[in-house]
């Protein structure tokens, strides 16, 4: 898990600085009514962090908990489109620092415990943490208009 938290700490430092360089108008621009703006993408990443924090914790004391979320409803109900850009970047940063703390304190045997997600499959905490990094980079590159990552 140390490699995941090491990578996540680098992402937090690098990408939070990059996001702060984006003009507010660019963050809230909604090119299509049915597509997320950059601040809504960031809101989705906040929601993802919150849901993964729950997975990383609850999976350590419950047997294969079922933890899902409806990303479109979360983004709409939270009304990220009208949120403060700086507050959202701060929230994203702090939630991801908390993920690092949780993962750093997850014993190796606990990292093998499982959680059921939206697709009905069981995944280990370790797998979820690695997948979280991939998901995070996918959306950060989308938000920052960088080359797509696999």
Protein backbone atom coordinates (compact mmCIF):
# COMPACT_ATOMS: atom_id res chain seq x y z
CA UNK A 1 0.00 0.00 0.00
CA UNK A 2 3.00 2.27 0.49
CA UNK A 3 3.50 2.61 -3.28
CA UNK A 4 -0.13 3.72 -3.65
CA UNK A 5 0.12 6.36 -0.94
CA UNK A 6 3.49 7.55 -2.25
CA UNK A 7 1.95 8.02 -5.72
CA UNK A 8 -1.15 9.65 -4.26
CA UNK A 9 0.94 12.19 -2.32
CA UNK A 10 2.75 13.14 -5.53
CA UNK A 11 -0.59 13.49 -7.35
CA UNK A 12 -2.00 15.68 -4.56
CA UNK A 13 0.96 18.08 -4.67
CA UNK A 14 1.25 18.24 -8.45
CA UNK A 15 -2.37 18.34 -9.52
CA UNK A 16 -3.70 20.64 -6.79
CA UNK A 17 -1.16 23.24 -7.95
CA UNK A 18 -2.20 22.72 -11.57
CA UNK A 19 -5.88 23.10 -10.70
CA UNK A 20 -5.21 26.36 -8.86
CA UNK A 21 -3.79 27.77 -12.10
CA UNK A 22 -7.11 27.33 -13.94
CA UNK A 23 -9.25 30.46 -14.21
CA UNK A 24 -12.62 30.32 -12.41
CA UNK A 25 -14.50 30.95 -15.66
CA UNK A 26 -12.85 27.92 -17.22
CA UNK A 27 -13.71 25.80 -14.17
CA UNK A 28 -17.42 26.60 -14.32
CA UNK A 29 -17.83 26.61 -18.12
CA UNK A 30 -20.36 23.98 -19.09
CA UNK A 31 -19.87 23.27 -22.80
CA UNK A 32 -22.95 21.00 -23.00
CA UNK A 33 -25.94 20.85 -20.64
CA UNK A 34 -25.56 17.08 -20.20
CA UNK A 35 -21.75 17.11 -19.64
CA UNK A 36 -19.97 17.99 -16.42
CA UNK A 37 -18.03 21.22 -16.13
CA UNK A 38 -14.50 21.07 -14.70
CA UNK A 39 -15.79 21.95 -11.24
CA UNK A 40 -18.35 19.16 -11.51
CA UNK A 41 -15.56 16.74 -12.49
CA UNK A 42 -13.67 17.90 -9.41
CA UNK A 43 -16.86 17.40 -7.39
CA UNK A 44 -17.09 13.87 -8.74
CA UNK A 45 -13.51 13.31 -7.52
CA UNK A 46 -14.51 14.61 -4.08
CA UNK A 47 -17.44 12.17 -4.06
CA UNK A 48 -15.16 9.35 -5.19
CA UNK A 49 -12.72 10.14 -2.38
CA UNK A 50 -15.54 10.13 0.18
CA UNK A 51 -16.94 6.84 -1.05
CA UNK A 52 -13.52 5.21 -1.17
CA UNK A 53 -12.71 6.40 2.35
CA UNK A 54 -15.86 4.57 3.43
CA UNK A 55 -14.82 1.45 1.49
CA UNK A 56 -11.28 1.48 2.90
CA UNK A 57 -12.56 1.77 6.47
CA UNK A 58 -15.75 -0.30 6.53
CA UNK A 59 -14.15 -3.19 4.65
CA UNK A 60 -11.70 -3.59 7.51
CA UNK A 61 -14.40 -4.43 10.07
CA UNK A 62 -17.38 -5.72 8.06
CA UNK A 63 -17.46 -8.77 5.83
CA UNK A 64 -17.60 -7.67 2.18
CA UNK A 65 -19.78 -4.56 2.65
CA UNK A 66 -21.85 -3.34 -0.29
CA UNK A 67 -20.80 0.29 -0.85
CA UNK A 68 -22.03 2.00 -4.01
CA UNK A 69 -22.97 5.46 -5.16
CA UNK A 70 -24.79 7.05 -8.07
CA UNK A 71 -22.23 9.53 -9.39
CA UNK A 72 -24.65 11.63 -11.46
CA UNK A 73 -27.09 12.08 -8.58
CA UNK A 74 -24.26 12.95 -6.15
CA UNK A 75 -22.89 15.64 -8.48
CA UNK A 76 -26.35 17.10 -9.15
CA UNK A 77 -27.52 17.08 -5.52
CA UNK A 78 -24.25 18.54 -4.23
CA UNK A 79 -24.62 21.39 -6.80
CA UNK A 80 -20.89 21.56 -7.42
CA UNK A 81 -21.53 23.88 -10.37
CA UNK A 82 -22.07 26.71 -7.86
CA UNK A 83 -19.34 25.76 -5.37
CA UNK A 84 -16.23 27.80 -4.58
CA UNK A 85 -13.37 26.57 -6.77
CA UNK A 86 -10.77 27.13 -4.05
CA UNK A 87 -12.90 25.34 -1.45
CA UNK A 88 -13.36 22.39 -3.80
CA UNK A 89 -9.61 22.12 -4.46
CA UNK A 90 -8.96 22.31 -0.71
CA UNK A 91 -11.61 19.65 -0.01
CA UNK A 92 -10.21 17.33 -2.70
CA UNK A 93 -6.70 17.81 -1.29
CA UNK A 94 -7.71 17.11 2.31
CA UNK A 95 -9.81 14.06 1.46
CA UNK A 96 -6.94 12.55 -0.49
CA UNK A 97 -4.51 13.24 2.34
CA UNK A 98 -6.95 11.37 4.59
CA UNK A 99 -6.97 8.46 2.15
CA UNK A 100 -3.17 8.35 2.47
CA UNK A 101 -3.48 8.24 6.27
CA UNK A 102 -6.04 5.43 6.13
CA UNK A 103 -4.06 3.34 3.64
CA UNK A 104 -0.79 3.89 5.51
CA UNK A 105 -2.48 2.49 8.62
CA UNK A 106 -4.13 -0.47 6.88
CA UNK A 107 -2.42 -3.69 7.99
CA UNK A 108 -1.34 -6.01 5.13
CA UNK A 109 -3.89 -8.67 6.12
CA UNK A 110 -6.67 -6.07 6.17
CA UNK A 111 -5.69 -4.90 2.66
CA UNK A 112 -6.83 -8.32 1.44
CA UNK A 113 -10.37 -7.83 2.81
CA UNK A 114 -13.09 -7.17 0.23
CA UNK A 115 -15.85 -4.73 -0.63
CA UNK A 116 -18.70 -5.08 -3.12
CA UNK A 117 -19.10 -2.16 -5.52
CA UNK A 118 -21.59 -0.88 -8.12
CA UNK A 119 -20.95 -3.71 -10.57
CA UNK A 120 -21.66 -6.37 -7.93
CA UNK A 121 -18.08 -7.65 -7.87
CA UNK A 122 -15.92 -8.06 -4.78
CA UNK A 123 -12.59 -6.23 -4.73
CA UNK A 124 -9.82 -6.15 -2.14
CA UNK A 125 -8.96 -2.88 -0.44
CA UNK A 126 -5.57 -3.15 -2.12
CA UNK A 127 -7.16 -3.46 -5.58
CA UNK A 128 -9.60 -0.61 -4.85
CA UNK A 129 -6.71 1.65 -3.80
CA UNK A 130 -4.79 0.96 -7.01
CA UNK A 131 -7.93 1.44 -9.10
CA UNK A 132 -8.65 4.69 -7.25
CA UNK A 133 -5.34 6.10 -8.53
CA UNK A 134 -6.22 5.13 -12.12
CA UNK A 135 -9.68 6.68 -11.82
CA UNK A 136 -8.24 9.82 -10.26
CA UNK A 137 -5.64 10.29 -13.00
CA UNK A 138 -8.23 9.67 -15.72
CA UNK A 139 -10.43 12.51 -14.46
CA UNK A 140 -7.57 14.85 -13.54
CA UNK A 141 -6.23 14.57 -17.09
CA UNK A 142 -9.73 15.21 -18.39
CA UNK A 143 -10.10 18.25 -16.13
CA UNK A 144 -6.68 19.65 -17.04
CA UNK A 145 -7.01 18.75 -20.73
CA UNK A 146 -3.92 16.57 -20.63
CA UNK A 147 -3.25 13.47 -22.69
CA UNK A 148 -5.55 10.62 -21.65
CA UNK A 149 -4.11 7.96 -19.37
CA UNK A 150 -4.92 4.27 -19.41
